[in-house]
Amino acid sequence: MTKKDLAERINVDPKTLKNWETSKPELLKLIYLGLATEDNIKETELYLKKIKEIKDSK
């Protein structure tokens, strides 16, 4: 994900994101962790759906 993509995803200006890199690095870490968590949740939901489909097909 590019920084421009990240800025769009969290609805901030890319310049703001650049400023946060130096002034609020911990905030950026939290944002990245939150996005990674969100991705993991979506992936887990997909696996659960597939497991349910397998279970229901038997």
N, C-alpha and C. Protein backbone atom coordinates (compact mmCIF):
# COMPACT_ATOMS: atom_id res chain seq x y z
N MET A 1 0.85 -1.17 0.00
CA MET A 1 0.00 0.00 0.00
C MET A 1 0.89 1.23 0.00
N THR A 2 0.64 2.13 -0.93
CA THR A 2 1.42 3.35 -0.99
C THR A 2 0.94 4.32 0.09
N LYS A 3 1.75 5.32 0.33
CA LYS A 3 1.35 6.32 1.32
C LYS A 3 0.12 7.09 0.85
N LYS A 4 0.03 7.29 -0.45
CA LYS A 4 -1.16 7.96 -1.00
C LYS A 4 -2.40 7.10 -0.76
N ASP A 5 -2.27 5.78 -0.99
CA ASP A 5 -3.39 4.87 -0.74
C ASP A 5 -3.79 4.89 0.73
N LEU A 6 -2.79 4.87 1.60
CA LEU A 6 -3.07 4.91 3.04
C LEU A 6 -3.79 6.20 3.41
N ALA A 7 -3.33 7.31 2.90
CA ALA A 7 -3.96 8.59 3.20
C ALA A 7 -5.42 8.59 2.76
N GLU A 8 -5.69 8.04 1.58
CA GLU A 8 -7.07 7.96 1.11
C GLU A 8 -7.90 7.03 1.99
N ARG A 9 -7.30 5.92 2.38
CA ARG A 9 -8.03 4.93 3.18
C ARG A 9 -8.43 5.47 4.54
N ILE A 10 -7.56 6.29 5.16
CA ILE A 10 -7.88 6.84 6.47
C ILE A 10 -8.43 8.26 6.38
N ASN A 11 -8.64 8.70 5.13
CA ASN A 11 -9.31 9.97 4.87
C ASN A 11 -8.54 11.19 5.42
N VAL A 12 -7.25 11.22 5.13
CA VAL A 12 -6.44 12.40 5.46
C VAL A 12 -5.66 12.80 4.21
N ASP A 13 -5.19 14.01 4.21
CA ASP A 13 -4.37 14.51 3.12
C ASP A 13 -2.99 13.83 3.17
N PRO A 14 -2.42 13.50 2.03
CA PRO A 14 -1.08 12.89 2.04
C PRO A 14 -0.03 13.74 2.76
N LYS A 15 -0.18 15.06 2.70
CA LYS A 15 0.76 15.94 3.41
C LYS A 15 0.64 15.73 4.93
N THR A 16 -0.58 15.54 5.40
CA THR A 16 -0.80 15.28 6.82
C THR A 16 -0.10 14.00 7.23
N LEU A 17 -0.25 12.99 6.40
CA LEU A 17 0.39 11.71 6.67
C LEU A 17 1.91 11.87 6.73
N LYS A 18 2.46 12.64 5.82
CA LYS A 18 3.90 12.88 5.81
C LYS A 18 4.34 13.59 7.10
N ASN A 19 3.55 14.54 7.54
CA ASN A 19 3.87 15.24 8.79
C ASN A 19 3.83 14.29 9.98
N TRP A 20 2.87 13.37 9.97
CA TRP A 20 2.75 12.42 11.07
C TRP A 20 3.96 11.51 11.15
N GLU A 21 4.60 11.26 10.01
CA GLU A 21 5.78 10.38 10.02
C GLU A 21 6.85 10.90 10.98
N THR A 22 6.99 12.21 11.04
CA THR A 22 8.02 12.78 11.92
C THR A 22 7.45 13.24 13.25
N SER A 23 6.23 13.77 13.25
CA SER A 23 5.70 14.34 14.49
C SER A 23 4.92 13.32 15.32
N LYS A 24 4.35 12.30 14.68
CA LYS A 24 3.53 11.33 15.40
C LYS A 24 3.78 9.90 14.89
N PRO A 25 5.00 9.43 15.01
CA PRO A 25 5.29 8.09 14.48
C PRO A 25 4.50 6.98 15.18
N GLU A 26 4.20 7.16 16.45
CA GLU A 26 3.42 6.15 17.18
C GLU A 26 2.00 6.05 16.62
N LEU A 27 1.44 7.17 16.20
CA LEU A 27 0.11 7.17 15.60
C LEU A 27 0.11 6.35 14.32
N LEU A 28 1.15 6.53 13.52
CA LEU A 28 1.25 5.74 12.28
C LEU A 28 1.38 4.25 12.58
N LYS A 29 2.13 3.91 13.60
CA LYS A 29 2.25 2.50 13.99
C LYS A 29 0.88 1.93 14.36
N LEU A 30 0.11 2.70 15.12
CA LEU A 30 -1.23 2.26 15.51
C LEU A 30 -2.14 2.10 14.30
N ILE A 31 -2.03 3.01 13.36
CA ILE A 31 -2.85 2.92 12.14
C ILE A 31 -2.50 1.65 11.38
N TYR A 32 -1.20 1.40 11.20
CA TYR A 32 -0.78 0.19 10.49
C TYR A 32 -1.23 -1.07 11.23
N LEU A 33 -1.13 -1.07 12.54
CA LEU A 33 -1.58 -2.23 13.32
C LEU A 33 -3.09 -2.43 13.18
N GLY A 34 -3.81 -1.33 13.20
CA GLY A 34 -5.26 -1.41 13.03
C GLY A 34 -5.64 -1.96 11.67
N LEU A 35 -4.96 -1.51 10.64
CA LEU A 35 -5.24 -2.02 9.29
C LEU A 35 -4.87 -3.49 9.16
N ALA A 36 -3.77 -3.88 9.78
CA ALA A 36 -3.37 -5.29 9.74
C ALA A 36 -4.40 -6.15 10.48
N THR A 37 -4.89 -5.64 11.60
CA THR A 37 -5.91 -6.36 12.35
C THR A 37 -7.18 -6.49 11.54
N GLU A 38 -7.57 -5.42 10.89
CA GLU A 38 -8.76 -5.44 10.03
C GLU A 38 -8.61 -6.49 8.92
N ASP A 39 -7.44 -6.53 8.31
CA ASP A 39 -7.19 -7.52 7.26
C ASP A 39 -7.25 -8.94 7.82
N ASN A 40 -6.70 -9.15 9.01
CA ASN A 40 -6.74 -10.48 9.63
C ASN A 40 -8.17 -10.91 9.95
N ILE A 41 -8.98 -9.97 10.41
CA ILE A 41 -10.37 -10.28 10.71
C ILE A 41 -11.11 -10.68 9.44
N LYS A 42 -10.91 -9.93 8.37
CA LYS A 42 -11.56 -10.26 7.10
C LYS A 42 -11.13 -11.64 6.60
N GLU A 43 -9.84 -11.93 6.73
CA GLU A 43 -9.31 -13.22 6.30
C GLU A 43 -9.91 -14.35 7.13
N THR A 44 -10.01 -14.15 8.44
CA THR A 44 -10.59 -15.15 9.33
C THR A 44 -12.06 -15.38 9.00
N GLU A 45 -12.78 -14.30 8.72
CA GLU A 45 -14.19 -14.45 8.35
C GLU A 45 -14.34 -15.26 7.07
N LEU A 46 -13.44 -15.05 6.13
CA LEU A 46 -13.46 -15.81 4.88
C LEU A 46 -13.21 -17.29 5.15
N TYR A 47 -12.22 -17.60 5.98
CA TYR A 47 -11.95 -18.99 6.34
C TYR A 47 -13.15 -19.63 7.03
N LEU A 48 -13.77 -18.90 7.94
CA LEU A 48 -14.93 -19.44 8.63
C LEU A 48 -16.08 -19.72 7.66
N LYS A 49 -16.25 -18.84 6.71
CA LYS A 49 -17.29 -19.05 5.69
C LYS A 49 -17.01 -20.30 4.88
N LYS A 50 -15.75 -20.49 4.49
CA LYS A 50 -15.38 -21.68 3.73
C LYS A 50 -15.57 -22.95 4.56
N ILE A 51 -15.22 -22.90 5.83
CA ILE A 51 -15.40 -24.05 6.71
C ILE A 51 -16.89 -24.39 6.83
N LYS A 52 -17.70 -23.36 6.98
CA LYS A 52 -19.16 -23.58 7.08
C LYS A 52 -19.69 -24.20 5.80
N GLU A 53 -19.21 -23.74 4.64
CA GLU A 53 -19.65 -24.30 3.38
C GLU A 53 -19.26 -25.77 3.26
N ILE A 54 -18.05 -26.10 3.69
CA ILE A 54 -17.60 -27.50 3.67
C ILE A 54 -18.45 -28.33 4.60
N LYS A 55 -18.71 -27.82 5.78
CA LYS A 55 -19.51 -28.53 6.77
C LYS A 55 -20.92 -28.76 6.25
N ASP A 56 -21.51 -27.73 5.63
CA ASP A 56 -22.88 -27.84 5.15
C ASP A 56 -23.00 -28.76 3.94
N SER A 57 -21.92 -28.94 3.20
CA SER A 57 -21.95 -29.79 2.01
C SER A 57 -21.87 -31.28 2.35
N LYS A 58 -21.51 -31.60 3.58
CA LYS A 58 -21.37 -33.01 3.98
C LYS A 58 -22.66 -33.56 4.51
